[in-house]
Amino acid sequence: MEGAKDPSRAPMTLFTFQTREDLKQFATGCDADIGGTSTLHFELDDSPERNKGIAGAPSTARFRGEMRLDVRPELRGKIRGGYAGFRSKPRPSLFGEICDDVSNHQFLGLRLRLGGDPRLRNSYFVNIQTDGPLTTDLWQHRLYFKRNDGGWEDIFVRKTS
């Protein structure tokens, strides 16, 4: 019977970062959008030496920039600087926004490579928004990196209720 089967718990790829089209699914932002002085770049990286260790991926996304706490002089004391990020864009359809059903999965897996100043190695976060009655519900998880050699690593965020 088809309905009697257990739900699939097989790994499910939500997003890839291997082509320019893949990167168009994401929006970027940093404090420079509101008067800060940070910079960000979100681009395709096809460098073989940096993509070594990612099987079958000649290209990956590279998120980089300079984080600065300062803001333009006329905005000092009015806004706070020091952030940069990217997020998936809404995926509208005829019947509303497309959301991925991950209710049968226990973890969100991220394959990442850390760069930049070693003092900032555990200053990265992932925000997860659910499709629920409150669209402002957001869960934030700090990403803890174990590697120090700049290599790729898989980081898992445990699903909460």
C-alpha atoms as a PDB file:
ATOM      1  CA  MET A   1       0.000   0.000   0.000  1.00  0.00           C
ATOM      2  CA  GLU A   2       1.398   3.353  -1.010  1.00  0.00           C
ATOM      3  CA  GLY A   3       0.095   5.310   1.990  1.00  0.00           C
ATOM      4  CA  ALA A   4       1.489   2.849   4.529  1.00  0.00           C
ATOM      5  CA  LYS A   5       5.145   3.596   3.752  1.00  0.00           C
ATOM      6  CA  ASP A   6       7.257   5.558   6.202  1.00  0.00           C
ATOM      7  CA  PRO A   7       8.063   9.122   5.126  1.00  0.00           C
ATOM      8  CA  SER A   8      11.351   9.570   3.307  1.00  0.00           C
ATOM      9  CA  ARG A   9      14.242  10.600   5.487  1.00  0.00           C
ATOM     10  CA  ALA A  10      16.731  10.524   2.633  1.00  0.00           C
ATOM     11  CA  PRO A  11      19.019  13.563   2.384  1.00  0.00           C
ATOM     12  CA  MET A  12      17.362  16.395   0.494  1.00  0.00           C
ATOM     13  CA  THR A  13      19.282  19.160  -1.276  1.00  0.00           C
ATOM     14  CA  LEU A  14      17.609  22.514  -0.713  1.00  0.00           C
ATOM     15  CA  PHE A  15      20.069  24.769  -2.544  1.00  0.00           C
ATOM     16  CA  THR A  16      23.232  24.417  -4.583  1.00  0.00           C
ATOM     17  CA  PHE A  17      25.808  27.101  -5.297  1.00  0.00           C
ATOM     18  CA  GLN A  18      27.429  25.851  -8.494  1.00  0.00           C
ATOM     19  CA  THR A  19      26.161  28.147 -11.268  1.00  0.00           C
ATOM     20  CA  ARG A  20      25.345  31.810 -11.792  1.00  0.00           C
ATOM     21  CA  GLU A  21      21.669  30.808 -11.970  1.00  0.00           C
ATOM     22  CA  ASP A  22      21.972  29.188  -8.518  1.00  0.00           C
ATOM     23  CA  LEU A  23      23.293  32.438  -7.056  1.00  0.00           C
ATOM     24  CA  LYS A  24      20.390  34.430  -8.540  1.00  0.00           C
ATOM     25  CA  GLN A  25      18.128  32.634  -6.017  1.00  0.00           C
ATOM     26  CA  PHE A  26      19.707  34.664  -3.196  1.00  0.00           C
ATOM     27  CA  ALA A  27      19.548  38.264  -2.001  1.00  0.00           C
ATOM     28  CA  THR A  28      22.462  39.923  -0.218  1.00  0.00           C
ATOM     29  CA  GLY A  29      22.615  42.758   2.252  1.00  0.00           C
ATOM     30  CA  CYS A  30      24.936  44.489   4.671  1.00  0.00           C
ATOM     31  CA  ASP A  31      25.034  47.568   6.853  1.00  0.00           C
ATOM     32  CA  ALA A  32      26.165  49.634   3.835  1.00  0.00           C
ATOM     33  CA  ASP A  33      22.526  49.413   2.657  1.00  0.00           C
ATOM     34  CA  ILE A  34      21.501  51.685   5.557  1.00  0.00           C
ATOM     35  CA  GLY A  35      24.608  53.838   6.014  1.00  0.00           C
ATOM     36  CA  GLY A  36      27.273  51.481   7.381  1.00  0.00           C
ATOM     37  CA  THR A  37      30.697  50.935   5.884  1.00  0.00           C
ATOM     38  CA  SER A  38      30.915  47.130   5.580  1.00  0.00           C
ATOM     39  CA  THR A  39      31.288  45.513   2.162  1.00  0.00           C
ATOM     40  CA  LEU A  40      30.182  42.180   0.762  1.00  0.00           C
ATOM     41  CA  HIS A  41      30.644  40.113  -2.360  1.00  0.00           C
ATOM     42  CA  PHE A  42      28.653  36.994  -3.235  1.00  0.00           C
ATOM     43  CA  GLU A  43      30.064  35.443  -6.376  1.00  0.00           C
ATOM     44  CA  LEU A  44      30.797  32.219  -8.188  1.00  0.00           C
ATOM     45  CA  ASP A  45      34.234  30.823  -7.381  1.00  0.00           C
ATOM     46  CA  ASP A  46      35.640  28.438  -9.985  1.00  0.00           C
ATOM     47  CA  SER A  47      39.135  28.239  -8.497  1.00  0.00           C
ATOM     48  CA  PRO A  48      40.202  24.544  -8.556  1.00  0.00           C
ATOM     49  CA  GLU A  49      42.412  24.904  -5.478  1.00  0.00           C
ATOM     50  CA  ARG A  50      39.614  26.450  -3.352  1.00  0.00           C
ATOM     51  CA  ASN A  51      37.008  23.933  -4.552  1.00  0.00           C
ATOM     52  CA  LYS A  52      39.225  20.927  -3.897  1.00  0.00           C
ATOM     53  CA  GLY A  53      37.336  18.467  -1.728  1.00  0.00           C
ATOM     54  CA  ILE A  54      33.885  19.158  -3.172  1.00  0.00           C
ATOM     55  CA  ALA A  55      33.124  16.131  -5.342  1.00  0.00           C
ATOM     56  CA  GLY A  56      31.614  17.020  -8.715  1.00  0.00           C
ATOM     57  CA  ALA A  57      31.516  20.771  -8.027  1.00  0.00           C
ATOM     58  CA  PRO A  58      33.788  22.773 -10.322  1.00  0.00           C
ATOM     59  CA  SER A  59      32.294  25.972  -8.878  1.00  0.00           C
ATOM     60  CA  THR A  60      31.005  27.081  -5.496  1.00  0.00           C
ATOM     61  CA  ALA A  61      29.698  30.321  -4.044  1.00  0.00           C
ATOM     62  CA  ARG A  62      32.084  32.639  -2.261  1.00  0.00           C
ATOM     63  CA  PHE A  63      30.759  35.077   0.323  1.00  0.00           C
ATOM     64  CA  ARG A  64      33.366  37.618   1.398  1.00  0.00           C
ATOM     65  CA  GLY A  65      33.850  41.227   2.369  1.00  0.00           C
ATOM     66  CA  GLU A  66      35.069  43.508   5.112  1.00  0.00           C
ATOM     67  CA  MET A  67      33.132  43.846   8.351  1.00  0.00           C
ATOM     68  CA  ARG A  68      33.262  47.315   9.855  1.00  0.00           C
ATOM     69  CA  LEU A  69      31.445  48.661  12.903  1.00  0.00           C
ATOM     70  CA  ASP A  70      31.686  52.285  11.763  1.00  0.00           C
ATOM     71  CA  VAL A  71      28.836  54.125  10.017  1.00  0.00           C
ATOM     72  CA  ARG A  72      28.680  57.354   8.044  1.00  0.00           C
ATOM     73  CA  PRO A  73      29.328  60.368  10.329  1.00  0.00           C
ATOM     74  CA  GLU A  74      25.778  61.745  10.077  1.00  0.00           C
ATOM     75  CA  LEU A  75      24.344  58.391  11.248  1.00  0.00           C
ATOM     76  CA  ARG A  76      26.579  57.796  14.299  1.00  0.00           C
ATOM     77  CA  GLY A  77      24.455  56.982  17.332  1.00  0.00           C
ATOM     78  CA  LYS A  78      21.387  56.355  15.137  1.00  0.00           C
ATOM     79  CA  ILE A  79      22.231  53.012  13.510  1.00  0.00           C
ATOM     80  CA  ARG A  80      24.584  50.139  14.248  1.00  0.00           C
ATOM     81  CA  GLY A  81      26.991  48.672  11.729  1.00  0.00           C
ATOM     82  CA  GLY A  82      28.787  45.375  11.467  1.00  0.00           C
ATOM     83  CA  TYR A  83      26.646  42.874   9.614  1.00  0.00           C
ATOM     84  CA  ALA A  84      26.496  41.176   6.235  1.00  0.00           C
ATOM     85  CA  GLY A  85      24.522  38.236   4.968  1.00  0.00           C
ATOM     86  CA  PHE A  86      22.611  36.504   2.238  1.00  0.00           C
ATOM     87  CA  ARG A  87      19.251  34.765   2.159  1.00  0.00           C
ATOM     88  CA  SER A  88      17.145  32.777  -0.242  1.00  0.00           C
ATOM     89  CA  LYS A  89      14.658  34.852  -2.205  1.00  0.00           C
ATOM     90  CA  PRO A  90      10.949  34.094  -1.963  1.00  0.00           C
ATOM     91  CA  ARG A  91       9.782  31.542  -4.544  1.00  0.00           C
ATOM     92  CA  PRO A  92       6.262  32.568  -5.563  1.00  0.00           C
ATOM     93  CA  SER A  93       3.882  30.255  -7.400  1.00  0.00           C
ATOM     94  CA  LEU A  94       0.285  30.411  -8.522  1.00  0.00           C
ATOM     95  CA  PHE A  95      -0.779  28.961  -5.162  1.00  0.00           C
ATOM     96  CA  GLY A  96       1.472  31.000  -2.849  1.00  0.00           C
ATOM     97  CA  GLU A  97       5.104  30.846  -1.879  1.00  0.00           C
ATOM     98  CA  ILE A  98       6.986  27.585  -2.427  1.00  0.00           C
ATOM     99  CA  CYS A  99       8.388  26.182   0.821  1.00  0.00           C
ATOM    100  CA  ASP A 100      10.413  23.022   1.369  1.00  0.00           C
ATOM    101  CA  ASP A 101       8.850  20.444   3.703  1.00  0.00           C
ATOM    102  CA  VAL A 102      11.666  19.250   5.943  1.00  0.00           C
ATOM    103  CA  SER A 103       9.431  18.038   8.764  1.00  0.00           C
ATOM    104  CA  ASN A 104      10.739  14.455   8.418  1.00  0.00           C
ATOM    105  CA  HIS A 105      14.377  15.477   8.788  1.00  0.00           C
ATOM    106  CA  GLN A 106      16.274  15.955  12.049  1.00  0.00           C
ATOM    107  CA  PHE A 107      19.143  18.130  10.833  1.00  0.00           C
ATOM    108  CA  LEU A 108      19.998  20.920   8.440  1.00  0.00           C
ATOM    109  CA  GLY A 109      23.377  20.127   6.899  1.00  0.00           C
ATOM    110  CA  LEU A 110      25.620  22.870   5.560  1.00  0.00           C
ATOM    111  CA  ARG A 111      28.865  22.339   3.646  1.00  0.00           C
ATOM    112  CA  LEU A 112      31.034  25.368   4.362  1.00  0.00           C
ATOM    113  CA  ARG A 113      34.610  26.540   4.260  1.00  0.00           C
ATOM    114  CA  LEU A 114      35.785  29.183   6.692  1.00  0.00           C
ATOM    115  CA  GLY A 115      38.103  32.004   5.765  1.00  0.00           C
ATOM    116  CA  GLY A 116      39.020  35.354   7.208  1.00  0.00           C
ATOM    117  CA  ASP A 117      40.396  36.342  10.566  1.00  0.00           C
ATOM    118  CA  PRO A 118      40.754  33.346  12.943  1.00  0.00           C
ATOM    119  CA  ARG A 119      39.317  35.447  15.805  1.00  0.00           C
ATOM    120  CA  LEU A 120      35.975  35.516  13.972  1.00  0.00           C
ATOM    121  CA  ARG A 121      35.781  31.779  13.286  1.00  0.00           C
ATOM    122  CA  ASN A 122      32.676  31.253  15.461  1.00  0.00           C
ATOM    123  CA  SER A 123      30.959  34.535  14.599  1.00  0.00           C
ATOM    124  CA  TYR A 124      28.808  33.105  11.823  1.00  0.00           C
ATOM    125  CA  PHE A 125      25.084  32.373  12.170  1.00  0.00           C
ATOM    126  CA  VAL A 126      22.360  30.696  10.150  1.00  0.00           C
ATOM    127  CA  ASN A 127      18.786  31.948  10.459  1.00  0.00           C
ATOM    128  CA  ILE A 128      15.929  29.580   9.718  1.00  0.00           C
ATOM    129  CA  GLN A 129      12.429  30.832   8.997  1.00  0.00           C
ATOM    130  CA  THR A 130       9.442  28.517   9.041  1.00  0.00           C
ATOM    131  CA  ASP A 131       6.213  28.566   7.099  1.00  0.00           C
ATOM    132  CA  GLY A 132       3.865  29.086  10.012  1.00  0.00           C
ATOM    133  CA  PRO A 133       1.190  31.439  11.274  1.00  0.00           C
ATOM    134  CA  LEU A 134       3.805  34.040  12.247  1.00  0.00           C
ATOM    135  CA  THR A 135       5.985  34.907   9.274  1.00  0.00           C
ATOM    136  CA  THR A 136       8.357  36.766  11.588  1.00  0.00           C
ATOM    137  CA  ASP A 137       9.319  33.584  13.483  1.00  0.00           C
ATOM    138  CA  LEU A 138      13.046  33.156  12.993  1.00  0.00           C
ATOM    139  CA  TRP A 139      15.460  30.742  14.655  1.00  0.00           C
ATOM    140  CA  GLN A 140      19.112  31.684  14.806  1.00  0.00           C
ATOM    141  CA  HIS A 141      21.923  29.181  15.274  1.00  0.00           C
ATOM    142  CA  ARG A 142      25.607  29.927  15.699  1.00  0.00           C
ATOM    143  CA  LEU A 143      27.859  27.900  13.417  1.00  0.00           C
ATOM    144  CA  TYR A 144      30.827  26.297  15.161  1.00  0.00           C
ATOM    145  CA  PHE A 145      33.708  25.387  12.895  1.00  0.00           C
ATOM    146  CA  LYS A 146      36.129  22.641  13.910  1.00  0.00           C
ATOM    147  CA  ARG A 147      38.699  22.857  11.119  1.00  0.00           C
ATOM    148  CA  ASN A 148      41.545  25.363  11.181  1.00  0.00           C
ATOM    149  CA  ASP A 149      43.034  24.563   7.781  1.00  0.00           C
ATOM    150  CA  GLY A 150      40.487  26.350   5.565  1.00  0.00           C
ATOM    151  CA  GLY A 151      39.102  23.052   4.253  1.00  0.00           C
ATOM    152  CA  TRP A 152      35.479  22.199   3.599  1.00  0.00           C
ATOM    153  CA  GLU A 153      33.465  20.820   6.486  1.00  0.00           C
ATOM    154  CA  ASP A 154      29.913  19.676   7.063  1.00  0.00           C
ATOM    155  CA  ILE A 155      28.121  21.480   9.878  1.00  0.00           C
ATOM    156  CA  PHE A 156      24.799  20.167  11.172  1.00  0.00           C
ATOM    157  CA  VAL A 157      22.102  22.218  12.866  1.00  0.00           C
ATOM    158  CA  ARG A 158      19.714  20.077  14.895  1.00  0.00           C
ATOM    159  CA  LYS A 159      16.057  20.648  14.167  1.00  0.00           C
ATOM    160  CA  THR A 160      14.011  22.018  17.047  1.00  0.00           C
ATOM    161  CA  SER A 161      10.276  21.617  17.530  1.00  0.00           C
END
